[in-house]
Amino acid sequence: MLGDVGSKWLDRLHQDVAKDLRSKGWSQAEIADILGSTQSTISRHIQKPTIPLASSGDEAIVDAWSSELSQALNSIGPKGEIVRQRLVVEFQFKGNHTIRFDKTLTGLDLDRGQEQRALLRRLEWAIGRLDSKRIKHVMPAVGMNIASCNKGARDVSQVAAFPGKISIVDDKLRHHETPSFGVSSHLASLLLQAHIMNEAKTSIININPMNGDKKLEQKEIKQMCDQLGYSFALSSKGKISGSHNKLDVILDTGDFGWEPSMYILAHNPLELIDRTHQIVASLEI
């Protein structure tokens, strides 16, 4: 039905709207967000000639609608948030037959709640596997935490962690509350930065390898990562330095009033615990 004609029709509409909003001062990222596309796709739309349609009448209709749509979007602004979409499609056939669809899209993810509950359970299971005796010498003064997210997370509210901090009391790990979403903003923010660069990494923990009697240097930590086959990156006060395709270990050497930290990343909370034990043992602290 829609086939190639419908695909080109929608592509031309998107292309026209993208070009018009760009001329109005919108960034490619803002256009991509409002159109539900990607920045690279918007860039191609803007650079390429307008997609031709088989019928000049169809071109006129699409162009008129795109102009009306871009003006309306510009009046709302790039911060506008779409909460519902309504699509009406009608097909007319010979013999006076008509098929009509009128559907409303809400963006509701029916599986999201299940995914979130499963993630919280994995965090609780993971903390139970963390060996307090093996990590007590790398406990940060500010406390330890574990954070995790599902793939595609882009906001702190989509990252789960333990409220407050994880500490060791009488050789046992203690945390006051069960994990929940939207807590531990610093660790969540760092995880989101890493997740955008390396989507496979969805879990993170913080330790302080520069604690205790033996003062490890950055060079030693990097050598340890090389030996284990882990990628190594630096950060400064919660901001990852540079861009990376792979992230396993992030080191923040600290500053005045800022405690040194090592952040270990993994594909899931359970793998994260195994990596933490491995790295702490390799540091020989």
C-alpha atoms as a PDB file:
ATOM      1  CA  MET A   1       0.000   0.000   0.000  1.00  0.00           C
ATOM      2  CA  LEU A   2       2.211   2.837   1.249  1.00  0.00           C
ATOM      3  CA  GLY A   3       5.290   1.126  -0.158  1.00  0.00           C
ATOM      4  CA  ASP A   4       7.903   3.231  -1.920  1.00  0.00           C
ATOM      5  CA  VAL A   5       5.516   6.155  -2.470  1.00  0.00           C
ATOM      6  CA  GLY A   6       4.670   6.478   1.212  1.00  0.00           C
ATOM      7  CA  SER A   7       8.317   6.185   2.241  1.00  0.00           C
ATOM      8  CA  LYS A   8       9.412   9.000  -0.098  1.00  0.00           C
ATOM      9  CA  TRP A   9       6.407  11.083   0.957  1.00  0.00           C
ATOM     10  CA  LEU A  10       7.442  10.918   4.625  1.00  0.00           C
ATOM     11  CA  ASP A  11      11.138  11.421   3.831  1.00  0.00           C
ATOM     12  CA  ARG A  12      10.374  14.590   1.855  1.00  0.00           C
ATOM     13  CA  LEU A  13       8.189  15.872   4.694  1.00  0.00           C
ATOM     14  CA  HIS A  14      10.980  15.293   7.239  1.00  0.00           C
ATOM     15  CA  GLN A  15      13.551  16.815   4.903  1.00  0.00           C
ATOM     16  CA  ASP A  16      11.505  19.965   4.288  1.00  0.00           C
ATOM     17  CA  VAL A  17      10.791  20.449   7.985  1.00  0.00           C
ATOM     18  CA  ALA A  18      14.454  19.881   8.896  1.00  0.00           C
ATOM     19  CA  LYS A  19      15.705  22.416   6.348  1.00  0.00           C
ATOM     20  CA  ASP A  20      13.138  25.015   7.413  1.00  0.00           C
ATOM     21  CA  LEU A  21      13.831  24.628  11.150  1.00  0.00           C
ATOM     22  CA  ARG A  22      17.594  24.794  10.482  1.00  0.00           C
ATOM     23  CA  SER A  23      17.077  28.086   8.639  1.00  0.00           C
ATOM     24  CA  LYS A  24      15.191  29.321  11.715  1.00  0.00           C
ATOM     25  CA  GLY A  25      18.246  28.719  13.921  1.00  0.00           C
ATOM     26  CA  TRP A  26      17.496  25.274  15.356  1.00  0.00           C
ATOM     27  CA  SER A  27      20.475  22.977  15.884  1.00  0.00           C
ATOM     28  CA  GLN A  28      20.608  19.583  14.170  1.00  0.00           C
ATOM     29  CA  ALA A  29      20.315  17.892  17.576  1.00  0.00           C
ATOM     30  CA  GLU A  30      17.157  19.872  18.420  1.00  0.00           C
ATOM     31  CA  ILE A  31      15.613  19.016  15.044  1.00  0.00           C
ATOM     32  CA  ALA A  32      16.470  15.344  15.460  1.00  0.00           C
ATOM     33  CA  ASP A  33      14.888  15.294  18.909  1.00  0.00           C
ATOM     34  CA  ILE A  34      11.605  16.894  17.846  1.00  0.00           C
ATOM     35  CA  LEU A  35      11.316  14.707  14.718  1.00  0.00           C
ATOM     36  CA  GLY A  36      12.304  11.499  16.490  1.00  0.00           C
ATOM     37  CA  SER A  37      15.339  11.029  14.277  1.00  0.00           C
ATOM     38  CA  THR A  38      19.133  11.108  14.641  1.00  0.00           C
ATOM     39  CA  GLN A  39      21.521  14.000  14.162  1.00  0.00           C
ATOM     40  CA  SER A  40      23.338  12.204  11.323  1.00  0.00           C
ATOM     41  CA  THR A  41      20.043  11.647   9.462  1.00  0.00           C
ATOM     42  CA  ILE A  42      19.080  15.303   9.880  1.00  0.00           C
ATOM     43  CA  SER A  43      22.508  16.331   8.581  1.00  0.00           C
ATOM     44  CA  ARG A  44      21.960  14.226   5.435  1.00  0.00           C
ATOM     45  CA  HIS A  45      18.451  15.648   4.975  1.00  0.00           C
ATOM     46  CA  ILE A  46      19.788  19.200   5.094  1.00  0.00           C
ATOM     47  CA  GLN A  47      22.733  18.620   2.756  1.00  0.00           C
ATOM     48  CA  LYS A  48      20.948  16.592   0.068  1.00  0.00           C
ATOM     49  CA  PRO A  49      18.629  18.001  -2.625  1.00  0.00           C
ATOM     50  CA  THR A  50      14.922  17.722  -1.893  1.00  0.00           C
ATOM     51  CA  ILE A  51      13.613  14.210  -2.547  1.00  0.00           C
ATOM     52  CA  PRO A  52      11.465  14.195  -5.722  1.00  0.00           C
ATOM     53  CA  LEU A  53       8.030  12.588  -5.848  1.00  0.00           C
ATOM     54  CA  ALA A  54       6.355  11.004  -8.858  1.00  0.00           C
ATOM     55  CA  SER A  55       3.577  13.587  -8.844  1.00  0.00           C
ATOM     56  CA  SER A  56       4.060  17.363  -8.723  1.00  0.00           C
ATOM     57  CA  GLY A  57       0.663  17.575  -7.033  1.00  0.00           C
ATOM     58  CA  ASP A  58       1.931  15.371  -4.200  1.00  0.00           C
ATOM     59  CA  GLU A  59       5.053  17.519  -3.918  1.00  0.00           C
ATOM     60  CA  ALA A  60       2.939  20.643  -3.532  1.00  0.00           C
ATOM     61  CA  ILE A  61       0.803  19.039  -0.826  1.00  0.00           C
ATOM     62  CA  VAL A  62       3.808  17.754   1.144  1.00  0.00           C
ATOM     63  CA  ASP A  63       5.693  21.050   0.839  1.00  0.00           C
ATOM     64  CA  ALA A  64       2.683  23.065   2.002  1.00  0.00           C
ATOM     65  CA  TRP A  65       2.169  20.783   4.978  1.00  0.00           C
ATOM     66  CA  SER A  66       5.871  20.832   5.897  1.00  0.00           C
ATOM     67  CA  SER A  67       5.862  24.628   5.854  1.00  0.00           C
ATOM     68  CA  GLU A  68       2.817  24.709   8.123  1.00  0.00           C
ATOM     69  CA  LEU A  69       4.322  22.076  10.427  1.00  0.00           C
ATOM     70  CA  SER A  70       7.718  23.782  10.759  1.00  0.00           C
ATOM     71  CA  GLN A  71       6.088  27.124  11.559  1.00  0.00           C
ATOM     72  CA  ALA A  72       3.996  25.502  14.276  1.00  0.00           C
ATOM     73  CA  LEU A  73       6.995  23.668  15.742  1.00  0.00           C
ATOM     74  CA  ASN A  74       9.066  26.847  15.718  1.00  0.00           C
ATOM     75  CA  SER A  75       6.358  28.685  17.668  1.00  0.00           C
ATOM     76  CA  ILE A  76       6.392  25.919  20.293  1.00  0.00           C
ATOM     77  CA  GLY A  77      10.201  25.870  20.397  1.00  0.00           C
ATOM     78  CA  PRO A  78      12.815  23.092  20.598  1.00  0.00           C
ATOM     79  CA  LYS A  79      12.012  22.395  24.253  1.00  0.00           C
ATOM     80  CA  GLY A  80       8.500  21.250  23.401  1.00  0.00           C
ATOM     81  CA  GLU A  81       7.712  17.717  24.498  1.00  0.00           C
ATOM     82  CA  ILE A  82       5.383  15.554  22.409  1.00  0.00           C
ATOM     83  CA  VAL A  83       3.117  13.458  24.618  1.00  0.00           C
ATOM     84  CA  ARG A  84       0.800  11.963  21.986  1.00  0.00           C
ATOM     85  CA  GLN A  85       0.639  11.463  18.222  1.00  0.00           C
ATOM     86  CA  ARG A  86      -2.468  10.753  16.204  1.00  0.00           C
ATOM     87  CA  LEU A  87      -2.158   9.186  12.768  1.00  0.00           C
ATOM     88  CA  VAL A  88      -4.994   8.955  10.256  1.00  0.00           C
ATOM     89  CA  VAL A  89      -4.439   6.901   7.085  1.00  0.00           C
ATOM     90  CA  GLU A  90      -7.086   6.321   4.418  1.00  0.00           C
ATOM     91  CA  PHE A  91      -6.932   4.158   1.285  1.00  0.00           C
ATOM     92  CA  GLN A  92      -9.524   4.412  -1.474  1.00  0.00           C
ATOM     93  CA  PHE A  93      -9.943   1.569  -3.965  1.00  0.00           C
ATOM     94  CA  LYS A  94     -11.910   1.176  -7.166  1.00  0.00           C
ATOM     95  CA  GLY A  95     -15.446   0.037  -6.587  1.00  0.00           C
ATOM     96  CA  ASN A  96     -16.005   2.609  -3.844  1.00  0.00           C
ATOM     97  CA  HIS A  97     -14.063   0.648  -1.207  1.00  0.00           C
ATOM     98  CA  THR A  98     -12.296   2.598   1.545  1.00  0.00           C
ATOM     99  CA  ILE A  99     -10.019   1.514   4.370  1.00  0.00           C
ATOM    100  CA  ARG A 100      -9.380   4.022   7.136  1.00  0.00           C
ATOM    101  CA  PHE A 101      -7.144   3.822  10.204  1.00  0.00           C
ATOM    102  CA  ASP A 102      -7.196   6.363  13.028  1.00  0.00           C
ATOM    103  CA  LYS A 103      -4.561   5.523  15.635  1.00  0.00           C
ATOM    104  CA  THR A 104      -3.122   7.385  18.615  1.00  0.00           C
ATOM    105  CA  LEU A 105       0.489   6.791  19.669  1.00  0.00           C
ATOM    106  CA  THR A 106       1.281   7.608  23.308  1.00  0.00           C
ATOM    107  CA  GLY A 107       4.902   6.474  23.611  1.00  0.00           C
ATOM    108  CA  LEU A 108       3.947   4.152  26.463  1.00  0.00           C
ATOM    109  CA  ASP A 109       6.440   1.302  26.853  1.00  0.00           C
ATOM    110  CA  LEU A 110       4.512  -1.648  28.230  1.00  0.00           C
ATOM    111  CA  ASP A 111       7.726  -3.512  29.084  1.00  0.00           C
ATOM    112  CA  ARG A 112       9.542  -0.645  30.772  1.00  0.00           C
ATOM    113  CA  GLY A 113       8.191  -1.364  34.243  1.00  0.00           C
ATOM    114  CA  GLN A 114       9.279  -4.986  34.005  1.00  0.00           C
ATOM    115  CA  GLU A 115      12.758  -3.975  32.801  1.00  0.00           C
ATOM    116  CA  GLN A 116      13.151  -1.539  35.670  1.00  0.00           C
ATOM    117  CA  ARG A 117      12.048  -4.044  38.302  1.00  0.00           C
ATOM    118  CA  ALA A 118      14.431  -6.635  36.848  1.00  0.00           C
ATOM    119  CA  LEU A 119      17.296  -4.129  37.011  1.00  0.00           C
ATOM    120  CA  LEU A 120      16.598  -3.383  40.682  1.00  0.00           C
ATOM    121  CA  ARG A 121      16.609  -7.108  41.461  1.00  0.00           C
ATOM    122  CA  ARG A 122      19.947  -7.535  39.674  1.00  0.00           C
ATOM    123  CA  LEU A 123      21.458  -4.731  41.753  1.00  0.00           C
ATOM    124  CA  GLU A 124      20.291  -6.346  44.999  1.00  0.00           C
ATOM    125  CA  TRP A 125      21.664  -9.697  43.874  1.00  0.00           C
ATOM    126  CA  ALA A 126      24.969  -8.094  42.863  1.00  0.00           C
ATOM    127  CA  ILE A 127      25.567  -6.367  46.196  1.00  0.00           C
ATOM    128  CA  GLY A 128      25.105  -9.709  47.913  1.00  0.00           C
ATOM    129  CA  ARG A 129      28.026 -11.120  45.887  1.00  0.00           C
ATOM    130  CA  LEU A 130      30.434  -8.269  46.707  1.00  0.00           C
ATOM    131  CA  ASP A 131      33.091  -9.535  49.159  1.00  0.00           C
ATOM    132  CA  SER A 132      33.669  -6.929  51.874  1.00  0.00           C
ATOM    133  CA  LYS A 133      36.979  -8.468  52.951  1.00  0.00           C
ATOM    134  CA  ARG A 134      38.401  -8.247  49.445  1.00  0.00           C
ATOM    135  CA  ILE A 135      37.420  -4.621  48.872  1.00  0.00           C
ATOM    136  CA  LYS A 136      37.659  -3.015  52.312  1.00  0.00           C
ATOM    137  CA  HIS A 137      41.028  -1.427  51.530  1.00  0.00           C
ATOM    138  CA  VAL A 138      39.641   0.393  48.498  1.00  0.00           C
ATOM    139  CA  MET A 139      36.509   1.802  50.118  1.00  0.00           C
ATOM    140  CA  PRO A 140      36.245   5.527  49.321  1.00  0.00           C
ATOM    141  CA  ALA A 141      35.883   7.939  52.224  1.00  0.00           C
ATOM    142  CA  VAL A 142      32.739   9.297  50.580  1.00  0.00           C
ATOM    143  CA  GLY A 143      31.310   5.776  50.391  1.00  0.00           C
ATOM    144  CA  MET A 144      30.855   3.263  47.622  1.00  0.00           C
ATOM    145  CA  ASN A 145      27.880   2.783  45.345  1.00  0.00           C
ATOM    146  CA  ILE A 146      26.788   0.704  42.397  1.00  0.00           C
ATOM    147  CA  ALA A 147      24.690   2.168  39.605  1.00  0.00           C
ATOM    148  CA  SER A 148      23.118   0.517  36.587  1.00  0.00           C
ATOM    149  CA  CYS A 149      20.799   1.366  33.712  1.00  0.00           C
ATOM    150  CA  ASN A 150      19.049  -0.297  30.812  1.00  0.00           C
ATOM    151  CA  LYS A 151      20.340   0.290  27.307  1.00  0.00           C
ATOM    152  CA  GLY A 152      19.373   3.630  25.828  1.00  0.00           C
ATOM    153  CA  ALA A 153      19.242   5.512  29.143  1.00  0.00           C
ATOM    154  CA  ARG A 154      19.898   9.235  28.806  1.00  0.00           C
ATOM    155  CA  ASP A 155      18.704  10.732  32.087  1.00  0.00           C
ATOM    156  CA  VAL A 156      19.618  10.301  35.754  1.00  0.00           C
ATOM    157  CA  SER A 157      16.039   9.240  36.445  1.00  0.00           C
ATOM    158  CA  GLN A 158      16.704   6.146  34.286  1.00  0.00           C
ATOM    159  CA  VAL A 159      19.705   5.048  36.383  1.00  0.00           C
ATOM    160  CA  ALA A 160      19.257   2.848  39.469  1.00  0.00           C
ATOM    161  CA  ALA A 161      21.584   2.908  42.486  1.00  0.00           C
ATOM    162  CA  PHE A 162      21.527   2.571  46.256  1.00  0.00           C
ATOM    163  CA  PRO A 163      20.265   5.675  48.097  1.00  0.00           C
ATOM    164  CA  GLY A 164      22.979   7.149  50.301  1.00  0.00           C
ATOM    165  CA  LYS A 165      26.119   5.049  50.222  1.00  0.00           C
ATOM    166  CA  ILE A 166      27.415   1.522  50.731  1.00  0.00           C
ATOM    167  CA  SER A 167      29.790   1.163  53.666  1.00  0.00           C
ATOM    168  CA  ILE A 168      31.490  -1.602  55.648  1.00  0.00           C
ATOM    169  CA  VAL A 169      30.524  -2.108  59.290  1.00  0.00           C
ATOM    170  CA  ASP A 170      31.978  -5.048  61.257  1.00  0.00           C
ATOM    171  CA  ASP A 171      33.335  -6.516  58.021  1.00  0.00           C
ATOM    172  CA  LYS A 172      29.888  -6.514  56.442  1.00  0.00           C
ATOM    173  CA  LEU A 173      28.527  -4.361  53.661  1.00  0.00           C
ATOM    174  CA  ARG A 174      25.760  -2.052  54.788  1.00  0.00           C
ATOM    175  CA  HIS A 175      23.250  -0.038  52.805  1.00  0.00           C
ATOM    176  CA  HIS A 176      20.263   1.610  54.410  1.00  0.00           C
ATOM    177  CA  GLU A 177      17.724   1.296  51.600  1.00  0.00           C
ATOM    178  CA  THR A 178      16.962  -0.874  48.605  1.00  0.00           C
ATOM    179  CA  PRO A 179      18.077   0.393  45.180  1.00  0.00           C
ATOM    180  CA  SER A 180      15.884   2.848  43.336  1.00  0.00           C
ATOM    181  CA  PHE A 181      15.953   5.093  40.290  1.00  0.00           C
ATOM    182  CA  GLY A 182      17.076   8.721  40.261  1.00  0.00           C
ATOM    183  CA  VAL A 183      19.558   8.559  43.173  1.00  0.00           C
ATOM    184  CA  SER A 184      23.364   8.957  43.376  1.00  0.00           C
ATOM    185  CA  SER A 185      23.431  11.707  40.758  1.00  0.00           C
ATOM    186  CA  HIS A 186      27.244  11.882  40.484  1.00  0.00           C
ATOM    187  CA  LEU A 187      27.710   8.175  39.746  1.00  0.00           C
ATOM    188  CA  ALA A 188      24.630   8.148  37.514  1.00  0.00           C
ATOM    189  CA  SER A 189      25.935  11.115  35.519  1.00  0.00           C
ATOM    190  CA  LEU A 190      29.293   9.426  34.945  1.00  0.00           C
ATOM    191  CA  LEU A 191      27.588   6.190  33.893  1.00  0.00           C
ATOM    192  CA  LEU A 192      25.436   8.065  31.373  1.00  0.00           C
ATOM    193  CA  GLN A 193      28.518   9.723  29.886  1.00  0.00           C
ATOM    194  CA  ALA A 194      30.177   6.329  29.534  1.00  0.00           C
ATOM    195  CA  HIS A 195      26.999   4.675  28.231  1.00  0.00           C
ATOM    196  CA  ILE A 196      26.663   7.229  25.433  1.00  0.00           C
ATOM    197  CA  MET A 197      30.246   6.517  24.344  1.00  0.00           C
ATOM    198  CA  ASN A 198      30.038   2.744  24.841  1.00  0.00           C
ATOM    199  CA  GLU A 199      26.417   1.580  24.912  1.00  0.00           C
ATOM    200  CA  ALA A 200      27.336  -1.941  26.017  1.00  0.00           C
ATOM    201  CA  LYS A 201      28.452  -0.663  29.430  1.00  0.00           C
ATOM    202  CA  THR A 202      25.442  -0.290  31.711  1.00  0.00           C
ATOM    203  CA  SER A 203      26.874  -0.731  35.221  1.00  0.00           C
ATOM    204  CA  ILE A 204      29.439   1.150  37.298  1.00  0.00           C
ATOM    205  CA  ILE A 205      31.051   1.055  40.765  1.00  0.00           C
ATOM    206  CA  ASN A 206      33.425   3.490  42.493  1.00  0.00           C
ATOM    207  CA  ILE A 207      36.471   2.513  44.544  1.00  0.00           C
ATOM    208  CA  ASN A 208      39.594   4.351  45.711  1.00  0.00           C
ATOM    209  CA  PRO A 209      42.755   2.431  44.725  1.00  0.00           C
ATOM    210  CA  MET A 210      44.898   5.205  46.192  1.00  0.00           C
ATOM    211  CA  ASN A 211      43.671   4.414  49.689  1.00  0.00           C
ATOM    212  CA  GLY A 212      45.626   2.567  52.371  1.00  0.00           C
ATOM    213  CA  ASP A 213      49.349   2.242  52.942  1.00  0.00           C
ATOM    214  CA  LYS A 214      50.384   1.675  49.336  1.00  0.00           C
ATOM    215  CA  LYS A 215      49.937   4.775  47.205  1.00  0.00           C
ATOM    216  CA  LEU A 216      49.373   3.673  43.632  1.00  0.00           C
ATOM    217  CA  GLU A 217      50.231   5.984  40.781  1.00  0.00           C
ATOM    218  CA  GLN A 218      48.319   6.549  37.572  1.00  0.00           C
ATOM    219  CA  LYS A 219      51.045   4.758  35.596  1.00  0.00           C
ATOM    220  CA  GLU A 220      50.703   1.606  37.699  1.00  0.00           C
ATOM    221  CA  ILE A 221      46.929   1.547  37.306  1.00  0.00           C
ATOM    222  CA  LYS A 222      47.195   1.946  33.544  1.00  0.00           C
ATOM    223  CA  GLN A 223      49.711  -0.918  33.390  1.00  0.00           C
ATOM    224  CA  MET A 224      47.321  -3.102  35.353  1.00  0.00           C
ATOM    225  CA  CYS A 225      44.525  -2.308  32.881  1.00  0.00           C
ATOM    226  CA  ASP A 226      46.792  -3.139  29.940  1.00  0.00           C
ATOM    227  CA  GLN A 227      47.672  -6.488  31.492  1.00  0.00           C
ATOM    228  CA  LEU A 228      44.008  -7.357  32.016  1.00  0.00           C
ATOM    229  CA  GLY A 229      42.987  -6.115  28.577  1.00  0.00           C
ATOM    230  CA  TYR A 230      40.807  -3.316  29.923  1.00  0.00           C
ATOM    231  CA  SER A 231      40.566   0.103  28.327  1.00  0.00           C
ATOM    232  CA  PHE A 232      41.702   3.016  30.475  1.00  0.00           C
ATOM    233  CA  ALA A 233      40.424   6.589  30.559  1.00  0.00           C
ATOM    234  CA  LEU A 234      40.745   9.645  32.769  1.00  0.00           C
ATOM    235  CA  SER A 235      38.122  11.929  34.244  1.00  0.00           C
ATOM    236  CA  SER A 236      38.199  15.159  36.198  1.00  0.00           C
ATOM    237  CA  LYS A 237      35.538  15.968  38.772  1.00  0.00           C
ATOM    238  CA  GLY A 238      32.909  13.783  37.125  1.00  0.00           C
ATOM    239  CA  LYS A 239      33.703  14.610  33.495  1.00  0.00           C
ATOM    240  CA  ILE A 240      35.285  11.958  31.269  1.00  0.00           C
ATOM    241  CA  SER A 241      38.262  13.314  29.343  1.00  0.00           C
ATOM    242  CA  GLY A 242      38.218  12.770  25.602  1.00  0.00           C
ATOM    243  CA  SER A 243      36.058  10.421  23.547  1.00  0.00           C
ATOM    244  CA  HIS A 244      36.266   6.624  23.730  1.00  0.00           C
ATOM    245  CA  ASN A 245      34.751   3.711  21.822  1.00  0.00           C
ATOM    246  CA  LYS A 246      35.411   1.346  24.704  1.00  0.00           C
ATOM    247  CA  LEU A 247      35.365   2.037  28.436  1.00  0.00           C
ATOM    248  CA  ASP A 248      36.290  -0.377  31.212  1.00  0.00           C
ATOM    249  CA  VAL A 249      38.158   1.650  33.841  1.00  0.00           C
ATOM    250  CA  ILE A 250      38.017   5.397  34.492  1.00  0.00           C
ATOM    251  CA  LEU A 251      40.457   7.078  36.878  1.00  0.00           C
ATOM    252  CA  ASP A 252      39.954  10.432  38.556  1.00  0.00           C
ATOM    253  CA  THR A 253      43.214  11.309  40.341  1.00  0.00           C
ATOM    254  CA  GLY A 254      41.418  13.862  42.492  1.00  0.00           C
ATOM    255  CA  ASP A 255      42.023  17.469  43.394  1.00  0.00           C
ATOM    256  CA  PHE A 256      41.811  19.751  46.406  1.00  0.00           C
ATOM    257  CA  GLY A 257      38.640  18.708  48.224  1.00  0.00           C
ATOM    258  CA  TRP A 258      37.986  15.954  45.646  1.00  0.00           C
ATOM    259  CA  GLU A 259      38.791  12.368  46.577  1.00  0.00           C
ATOM    260  CA  PRO A 260      40.613  10.206  43.987  1.00  0.00           C
ATOM    261  CA  SER A 261      38.346   7.526  42.510  1.00  0.00           C
ATOM    262  CA  MET A 262      38.462   4.593  40.162  1.00  0.00           C
ATOM    263  CA  TYR A 263      35.279   3.735  38.291  1.00  0.00           C
ATOM    264  CA  ILE A 264      34.865   0.202  36.976  1.00  0.00           C
ATOM    265  CA  LEU A 265      32.360  -0.444  34.184  1.00  0.00           C
ATOM    266  CA  ALA A 266      30.724  -3.653  32.989  1.00  0.00           C
ATOM    267  CA  HIS A 267      27.867  -4.982  30.865  1.00  0.00           C
ATOM    268  CA  ASN A 268      25.663  -5.774  33.880  1.00  0.00           C
ATOM    269  CA  PRO A 269      25.764  -5.653  37.707  1.00  0.00           C
ATOM    270  CA  LEU A 270      26.886  -9.271  38.148  1.00  0.00           C
ATOM    271  CA  GLU A 271      29.790  -8.941  35.727  1.00  0.00           C
ATOM    272  CA  LEU A 272      30.670  -5.701  37.498  1.00  0.00           C
ATOM    273  CA  ILE A 273      31.216  -7.519  40.796  1.00  0.00           C
ATOM    274  CA  ASP A 274      33.491 -10.094  39.176  1.00  0.00           C
ATOM    275  CA  ARG A 275      35.514  -7.346  37.507  1.00  0.00           C
ATOM    276  CA  THR A 276      35.809  -5.452  40.765  1.00  0.00           C
ATOM    277  CA  HIS A 277      37.195  -8.478  42.593  1.00  0.00           C
ATOM    278  CA  GLN A 278      39.601  -9.139  39.734  1.00  0.00           C
ATOM    279  CA  ILE A 279      40.875  -5.566  39.540  1.00  0.00           C
ATOM    280  CA  VAL A 280      41.268  -5.167  43.295  1.00  0.00           C
ATOM    281  CA  ALA A 281      43.282  -8.412  43.423  1.00  0.00           C
ATOM    282  CA  SER A 282      45.457  -7.223  40.523  1.00  0.00           C
ATOM    283  CA  LEU A 283      46.190  -3.948  42.293  1.00  0.00           C
ATOM    284  CA  GLU A 284      47.662  -5.964  45.191  1.00  0.00           C
ATOM    285  CA  ILE A 285      46.406  -3.584  47.789  1.00  0.00           C
END
